[in-house]
Protein backbone atom coordinates (compact mmCIF):
# COMPACT_ATOMS: atom_id res chain seq x y z
CA MET A 1 -57.22 -12.68 -74.73
CA ARG A 2 -55.82 -15.65 -76.58
CA GLU A 3 -55.11 -19.04 -74.96
CA VAL A 4 -53.16 -21.73 -76.80
CA LYS A 5 -52.05 -25.21 -75.75
CA ALA A 6 -48.63 -26.25 -77.08
CA PRO A 7 -49.02 -29.55 -78.97
CA TYR A 8 -45.29 -30.34 -78.69
CA GLU A 9 -42.04 -28.92 -77.35
CA ALA A 10 -41.51 -25.47 -78.83
CA CYS A 11 -40.03 -22.01 -78.35
CA GLU A 12 -42.10 -18.85 -78.16
CA SER A 13 -40.68 -15.38 -78.71
CA SER A 14 -42.33 -12.07 -77.88
CA GLN A 15 -41.29 -8.45 -77.50
CA SER A 16 -43.54 -5.73 -76.15
CA GLY A 17 -43.24 -2.70 -73.94
CA SER A 18 -46.94 -2.86 -73.04
CA TYR A 19 -46.17 -5.55 -70.44
CA ARG A 20 -44.27 -2.96 -68.43
CA TYR A 21 -45.82 0.35 -69.55
CA PRO A 22 -49.61 0.58 -69.83
CA PRO A 23 -51.16 2.72 -72.59
CA LYS A 24 -51.71 6.30 -71.43
CA GLY A 25 -55.11 7.95 -71.28
CA LEU A 26 -55.82 11.28 -72.99
CA PHE A 27 -57.10 14.48 -71.38
CA ASP A 28 -56.50 13.52 -67.72
CA VAL A 29 -58.14 10.10 -67.97
CA LYS A 30 -56.70 6.91 -66.46
CA GLU A 31 -54.21 4.72 -68.24
CA GLY A 32 -55.16 1.32 -69.64
CA SER A 33 -54.19 -2.10 -68.32
CA ASN A 34 -50.90 -3.87 -68.98
CA ALA A 35 -50.64 -6.80 -71.35
CA GLN A 36 -50.22 -10.27 -69.83
CA PHE A 37 -48.15 -13.23 -70.92
CA LEU A 38 -48.76 -16.38 -68.87
CA ILE A 39 -47.47 -19.93 -69.15
CA ASN A 40 -49.59 -22.39 -67.18
CA GLY A 41 -51.06 -19.49 -65.19
CA GLU A 42 -47.66 -18.10 -64.17
CA PRO A 43 -46.03 -14.94 -65.61
CA GLY A 44 -43.80 -15.74 -68.58
CA ASN A 45 -40.95 -13.71 -70.05
CA PRO A 46 -42.55 -11.16 -72.40
CA TYR A 47 -39.15 -9.90 -73.59
CA GLY A 48 -37.46 -12.94 -75.00
CA LEU A 49 -37.56 -16.63 -75.71
CA SER A 50 -39.65 -19.06 -73.66
CA GLN A 51 -39.17 -22.84 -73.78
CA LEU A 52 -42.50 -24.67 -73.91
CA LYS A 53 -43.22 -28.29 -73.03
CA PRO A 54 -46.03 -30.36 -74.53
CA CYS A 55 -49.43 -29.31 -73.11
CA ASP A 56 -48.13 -26.02 -71.67
CA VAL A 57 -50.92 -23.44 -71.85
CA ILE A 58 -49.96 -19.97 -73.05
CA VAL A 59 -52.17 -16.94 -72.43
CA MET A 60 -51.52 -13.68 -74.27
CA ASP A 61 -53.76 -10.85 -73.14
CA ALA A 62 -53.42 -7.58 -75.09
CA PRO A 63 -53.28 -4.32 -73.14
CA GLY A 64 -56.44 -2.31 -72.56
CA SER A 65 -56.40 1.12 -74.13
CA GLY A 66 -56.15 4.25 -72.06
CA GLY A 67 -59.25 6.33 -71.52
CA TYR A 68 -60.33 9.33 -73.56
CA GLY A 69 -62.32 12.37 -72.58
CA ASN A 70 -64.95 13.17 -69.99
CA THR A 71 -66.32 10.07 -68.27
CA LEU A 72 -69.72 11.73 -67.88
CA ASN A 73 -70.18 11.38 -71.63
CA ARG A 74 -69.92 7.57 -71.53
CA ASP A 75 -72.99 5.58 -72.52
CA MET A 76 -73.24 2.58 -70.21
CA ALA A 77 -75.75 0.88 -72.53
CA ASP A 78 -72.91 0.37 -75.02
CA GLY A 79 -71.24 -1.97 -72.53
CA TYR A 80 -67.80 -0.34 -72.71
CA MET A 81 -67.53 -0.04 -68.93
CA SER A 82 -68.98 -2.03 -66.06
CA LEU A 83 -71.08 -0.34 -63.40
CA GLU A 84 -68.40 -1.24 -60.86
CA SER A 85 -65.66 0.39 -62.93
CA ALA A 86 -67.76 3.53 -63.48
CA ARG A 87 -68.23 3.86 -59.72
CA ASN A 88 -64.85 2.68 -58.40
CA ASP A 89 -62.43 3.84 -61.11
CA TYR A 90 -64.13 7.05 -62.26
CA GLY A 91 -66.47 8.03 -59.43
CA VAL A 92 -69.40 8.16 -61.85
CA GLY A 93 -72.94 7.51 -60.63
CA ILE A 94 -75.16 5.70 -63.13
CA ASN A 95 -78.91 5.99 -63.60
CA LEU A 96 -79.89 2.30 -63.67
CA GLN A 97 -83.00 2.95 -65.78
CA THR A 98 -81.24 4.80 -68.61
CA MET A 99 -77.76 3.27 -68.04
CA LYS A 100 -76.28 6.74 -68.54
CA ALA A 101 -74.14 8.90 -66.26
CA ASP A 102 -76.19 10.80 -63.68
CA ARG A 103 -74.63 14.18 -62.85
CA ASP A 104 -76.32 14.54 -59.43
CA ALA A 105 -75.41 11.00 -58.34
CA THR A 106 -71.87 11.54 -59.62
CA GLU A 107 -71.46 14.77 -57.66
CA LYS A 108 -72.67 13.08 -54.46
CA LEU A 109 -70.44 10.05 -55.05
CA ARG A 110 -67.34 12.13 -55.75
CA ASN A 111 -67.97 14.32 -52.70
CA SER A 112 -68.26 11.19 -50.52
CA LEU A 113 -65.02 9.80 -51.97
CA LYS A 114 -63.12 12.97 -51.10
CA LYS A 115 -63.84 12.59 -47.36
């Protein structure tokens, strides 16, 4: 994410489809997150020209990539996914001592989510 304060009146131009269409995941994994373009905390126009006033704050947040492959092969110690995301987005149970996916905990979690 990049945040910039406009020092003077200016125009900003951007063009990106990732504001509307998130990156797709591969092999049946979830898609990534959309990009964001904010001016003073409010959504800006990511497809054209935006007029900026002095001290306007612009936030440009790049899209998150889509997932890839089996989530049970993710190493939580690498910090690529939060424990909450592993549980809520992927239904993956994590062994808190090893910080790796736990197949038994995952099976129980996914069975409970299906009910």
